[in-house]
């Protein structure tokens, strides 16, 4: 059944229901209509999920690459900081030696 055929059938059913009290009086009719409504909500949710997943998959590689770049920069910063700490300790040692020699 094509989408157009489905739409025509749904419109026909809706027209029949608005002109009669079938939805209120016939439990099978109510269940069939409720089933159609729930099925359409499920389809809509699945389409939204697919769209969100597609968007996520488009964005993910760039994010991962950005994170990878940032992690590399963080490693560089930590290495530079550690080198400066070592230099600081060396300088403090030199300073203490100079201070000791000045005390004499």
C-alpha atoms as a PDB file:
ATOM      1  CA  UNK A   1       0.000   0.000   0.000  1.00  0.00           C
ATOM      2  CA  UNK A   2       1.452   3.380  -0.964  1.00  0.00           C
ATOM      3  CA  UNK A   3       1.619   6.347   1.372  1.00  0.00           C
ATOM      4  CA  UNK A   4      -1.123   8.095  -0.593  1.00  0.00           C
ATOM      5  CA  UNK A   5      -3.387   5.061  -0.273  1.00  0.00           C
ATOM      6  CA  UNK A   6      -2.716   4.906   3.470  1.00  0.00           C
ATOM      7  CA  UNK A   7      -3.549   8.592   3.867  1.00  0.00           C
ATOM      8  CA  UNK A   8      -6.803   8.191   1.932  1.00  0.00           C
ATOM      9  CA  UNK A   9      -7.810   5.221   4.087  1.00  0.00           C
ATOM     10  CA  UNK A  10      -7.018   7.073   7.300  1.00  0.00           C
ATOM     11  CA  UNK A  11      -9.002  10.104   6.134  1.00  0.00           C
ATOM     12  CA  UNK A  12     -11.933   7.862   5.172  1.00  0.00           C
ATOM     13  CA  UNK A  13     -11.842   6.129   8.552  1.00  0.00           C
ATOM     14  CA  UNK A  14     -11.636   9.466  10.343  1.00  0.00           C
ATOM     15  CA  UNK A  15     -14.638  10.722   8.371  1.00  0.00           C
ATOM     16  CA  UNK A  16     -16.655   7.597   9.237  1.00  0.00           C
ATOM     17  CA  UNK A  17     -15.736   7.921  12.896  1.00  0.00           C
ATOM     18  CA  UNK A  18     -16.702  11.572  13.130  1.00  0.00           C
ATOM     19  CA  UNK A  19     -20.085  10.800  11.562  1.00  0.00           C
ATOM     20  CA  UNK A  20     -20.785   7.800  13.822  1.00  0.00           C
ATOM     21  CA  UNK A  21     -20.207   6.805  17.432  1.00  0.00           C
ATOM     22  CA  UNK A  22     -18.210   3.692  16.535  1.00  0.00           C
ATOM     23  CA  UNK A  23     -15.147   4.752  18.537  1.00  0.00           C
ATOM     24  CA  UNK A  24     -17.272   5.092  21.662  1.00  0.00           C
ATOM     25  CA  UNK A  25     -19.445   2.014  21.140  1.00  0.00           C
ATOM     26  CA  UNK A  26     -17.221  -0.602  19.485  1.00  0.00           C
ATOM     27  CA  UNK A  27     -14.194  -1.727  21.504  1.00  0.00           C
ATOM     28  CA  UNK A  28     -12.542  -3.360  18.473  1.00  0.00           C
ATOM     29  CA  UNK A  29     -12.781  -0.115  16.498  1.00  0.00           C
ATOM     30  CA  UNK A  30     -11.300   1.777  19.458  1.00  0.00           C
ATOM     31  CA  UNK A  31      -8.432  -0.728  19.767  1.00  0.00           C
ATOM     32  CA  UNK A  32      -7.711  -0.609  16.023  1.00  0.00           C
ATOM     33  CA  UNK A  33      -7.602   3.190  16.014  1.00  0.00           C
ATOM     34  CA  UNK A  34      -5.462   3.292  19.144  1.00  0.00           C
ATOM     35  CA  UNK A  35      -3.123   0.739  17.575  1.00  0.00           C
ATOM     36  CA  UNK A  36      -2.738   2.906  14.466  1.00  0.00           C
ATOM     37  CA  UNK A  37      -2.059   6.007  16.582  1.00  0.00           C
ATOM     38  CA  UNK A  38       0.523   4.241  18.737  1.00  0.00           C
ATOM     39  CA  UNK A  39       2.164   2.710  15.657  1.00  0.00           C
ATOM     40  CA  UNK A  40       2.481   6.159  14.097  1.00  0.00           C
ATOM     41  CA  UNK A  41       4.038   7.531  17.288  1.00  0.00           C
ATOM     42  CA  UNK A  42       6.530   4.666  17.266  1.00  0.00           C
ATOM     43  CA  UNK A  43       7.407   5.394  13.626  1.00  0.00           C
ATOM     44  CA  UNK A  44       7.825   9.079  14.390  1.00  0.00           C
ATOM     45  CA  UNK A  45      10.072   8.297  17.364  1.00  0.00           C
ATOM     46  CA  UNK A  46      12.150   5.869  15.276  1.00  0.00           C
ATOM     47  CA  UNK A  47      12.585   8.517  12.583  1.00  0.00           C
ATOM     48  CA  UNK A  48      13.692  11.035  15.205  1.00  0.00           C
ATOM     49  CA  UNK A  49      16.100   8.484  16.681  1.00  0.00           C
ATOM     50  CA  UNK A  50      17.553   7.783  13.217  1.00  0.00           C
ATOM     51  CA  UNK A  51      17.964  11.502  12.547  1.00  0.00           C
ATOM     52  CA  UNK A  52      19.637  12.105  15.905  1.00  0.00           C
ATOM     53  CA  UNK A  53      21.927   9.114  15.421  1.00  0.00           C
ATOM     54  CA  UNK A  54      22.861  10.354  11.953  1.00  0.00           C
ATOM     55  CA  UNK A  55      23.636  13.807  13.285  1.00  0.00           C
ATOM     56  CA  UNK A  56      25.677  12.297  16.129  1.00  0.00           C
ATOM     57  CA  UNK A  57      27.684  10.195  13.670  1.00  0.00           C
ATOM     58  CA  UNK A  58      28.413  13.288  11.579  1.00  0.00           C
ATOM     59  CA  UNK A  59      29.627  15.269  14.596  1.00  0.00           C
ATOM     60  CA  UNK A  60      31.463  12.503  16.478  1.00  0.00           C
ATOM     61  CA  UNK A  61      34.640  12.242  14.346  1.00  0.00           C
ATOM     62  CA  UNK A  62      35.289  15.984  14.567  1.00  0.00           C
ATOM     63  CA  UNK A  63      34.707  15.915  18.308  1.00  0.00           C
ATOM     64  CA  UNK A  64      37.043  12.987  18.753  1.00  0.00           C
ATOM     65  CA  UNK A  65      39.693  14.699  16.634  1.00  0.00           C
ATOM     66  CA  UNK A  66      39.223  17.890  18.645  1.00  0.00           C
ATOM     67  CA  UNK A  67      39.572  15.961  21.893  1.00  0.00           C
ATOM     68  CA  UNK A  68      42.643  14.167  20.571  1.00  0.00           C
ATOM     69  CA  UNK A  69      44.201  17.517  19.647  1.00  0.00           C
ATOM     70  CA  UNK A  70      43.369  18.955  23.040  1.00  0.00           C
ATOM     71  CA  UNK A  71      44.827  15.916  24.829  1.00  0.00           C
ATOM     72  CA  UNK A  72      48.059  16.278  22.858  1.00  0.00           C
ATOM     73  CA  UNK A  73      48.226  19.961  23.795  1.00  0.00           C
ATOM     74  CA  UNK A  74      47.559  19.080  27.438  1.00  0.00           C
ATOM     75  CA  UNK A  75      50.445  16.579  27.330  1.00  0.00           C
ATOM     76  CA  UNK A  76      52.709  19.278  25.906  1.00  0.00           C
ATOM     77  CA  UNK A  77      51.643  21.725  28.623  1.00  0.00           C
ATOM     78  CA  UNK A  78      52.270  19.159  31.360  1.00  0.00           C
ATOM     79  CA  UNK A  79      55.695  18.396  29.907  1.00  0.00           C
ATOM     80  CA  UNK A  80      56.580  22.096  29.768  1.00  0.00           C
ATOM     81  CA  UNK A  81      55.303  22.592  33.330  1.00  0.00           C
ATOM     82  CA  UNK A  82      57.334  19.632  34.598  1.00  0.00           C
ATOM     83  CA  UNK A  83      60.452  20.987  32.879  1.00  0.00           C
ATOM     84  CA  UNK A  84      59.870  24.358  34.531  1.00  0.00           C
ATOM     85  CA  UNK A  85      59.442  22.671  37.936  1.00  0.00           C
ATOM     86  CA  UNK A  86      62.786  20.936  37.440  1.00  0.00           C
ATOM     87  CA  UNK A  87      64.428  24.245  36.458  1.00  0.00           C
ATOM     88  CA  UNK A  88      62.825  25.887  39.492  1.00  0.00           C
ATOM     89  CA  UNK A  89      64.302  23.238  41.755  1.00  0.00           C
ATOM     90  CA  UNK A  90      67.705  23.656  40.127  1.00  0.00           C
ATOM     91  CA  UNK A  91      67.483  27.439  40.512  1.00  0.00           C
ATOM     92  CA  UNK A  92      66.446  27.088  44.163  1.00  0.00           C
ATOM     93  CA  UNK A  93      69.439  24.817  44.707  1.00  0.00           C
ATOM     94  CA  UNK A  94      71.738  27.363  43.061  1.00  0.00           C
ATOM     95  CA  UNK A  95      70.183  30.140  45.136  1.00  0.00           C
ATOM     96  CA  UNK A  96      70.758  28.206  48.365  1.00  0.00           C
ATOM     97  CA  UNK A  97      74.402  27.613  47.387  1.00  0.00           C
ATOM     98  CA  UNK A  98      74.859  31.328  46.706  1.00  0.00           C
ATOM     99  CA  UNK A  99      73.172  32.244  50.003  1.00  0.00           C
ATOM    100  CA  UNK A 100      75.435  29.832  51.892  1.00  0.00           C
ATOM    101  CA  UNK A 101      78.516  31.317  50.253  1.00  0.00           C
ATOM    102  CA  UNK A 102      77.304  34.805  51.150  1.00  0.00           C
ATOM    103  CA  UNK A 103      76.945  33.812  54.813  1.00  0.00           C
ATOM    104  CA  UNK A 104      80.639  33.013  55.072  1.00  0.00           C
END
